[in-house]
Amino acid sequence: MAATGAIAILVAGCSSTGSDRVARPTQPTRPAATTQVTTGVTKPLATTPLTRRQIGRITIDNADGLVAALGFIWVKTDDGRLVKVDPRTNRIVGQRKLDTATDSSRYCQGIGTDGKSVWACATTDTATDVVQVDPTSLAPVQRVRVNKVFNQLRLPFAGDKLWVLGADGSSLIGVDPATAAVTSRKLPVRCLQLFGSDGMLLATCRIDNLLLRIEPASGTVSARRSIASPGFAVTSGTDTWVDTSEGVQRLDSALRTTAVYPGLVVGLAGDLVGGDKVVKLPNPIMGAEDFSYVLQQIPGAMVFLGGTPTDRNLATAAPNHSNRVVFDEEAMITGTAMYAALALDHLGA
């Protein structure tokens, strides 16, 4: 693995081991001086380190998707639990095991709300369902079999239906929460995530580099937009904000790009060396590293530091473990600066 003057970021921290832990709440503080972003086509007004916004931390083992509903934060875990958190106290106030699969490798992700109850993905030994949960007792109200794609994180509601990607992501499934009736439509491509609010439903299809707008009333695709490796999205009014491999993009109701923030996709590394020198891996490498034991205790990320000399061809350069490899030792300056920047950012300096 070699790169020229680049930093590749691999985000980790979906799960940990040990019991769920709750950090003591801290009092909110007013953010100190903000940092102007200097890279990219469009500049945000300012950015503020997360540490200056954080007012509490709740550690939940195997936590994945979450949703805010009915005055609480709800978290779906990869080991099949639904966890209820009171944001006023930063305490876990309830949890319920939803998965019934006997094989722990059979799990699914996904959580959503219709404003009255919470819906979450749940597995059995033979299928993948969505379960409606009573917000007070956490007891399942109804279970609907949909054979949902396992890694759809958000279960959006739009047009009075819960929407799910079925099978391999090539079918769109609507669930009527009142009757549990299920409708299904074929999508033109495989998609991995769904997002929606009010009368708008969006599907991000990373494999085909597409963003689809779907009409909730009919389930038909009304618009599509080619976009580089779209991941997660959020709607605000008539605008859509999408996380892509080229940065965060803002789109209007016709899916036309109105702003691009390339620096936001690479965060602190982009501010340090420039957004054009940072690559967020579209397919993170799950290497067998001892560093994973550290991530079981605290959140973190693995960063690959490029060390190929500028006069070498990256495509033909000898790999790291070859006896013919040549490193550009100047890269250690960038690596040291990155460590220092991370520490200063964490300390709020």
Foldseek 3Di string as FASTA:
>chain_A
DFDDLFKAWFFDQLFFDDAWDWDFFAAQDDFDDFAWFDFDDDTDPTDGFPLNGDGTDTGHGQWDAWDDAPQWIWTAGFQQKIWTAHPVGRDTDDMDRAEAAPDSVDGAAEWEDPRQWIKTWYYYNPAIWIFTAHPPPRDTPDIATAQADRYAHYQDDEPQWTWGQHDQQQKIWTANPVPRDIDIDGHPAHFRYWDDDYQWIWTQRQVQQKIFIAGPVVRHTDAMDRHARWDDWYDDVQWIWTQHQQAIFIAGNRRDTPGGDRQVNFPPLCSQSNSVRYGHDSDDDPDPDPCVNVSSPPGDIDMDQHFADPVDDPVPADDPPDPRHDGNVVSVVSVVVVVVSVVCSNVSD
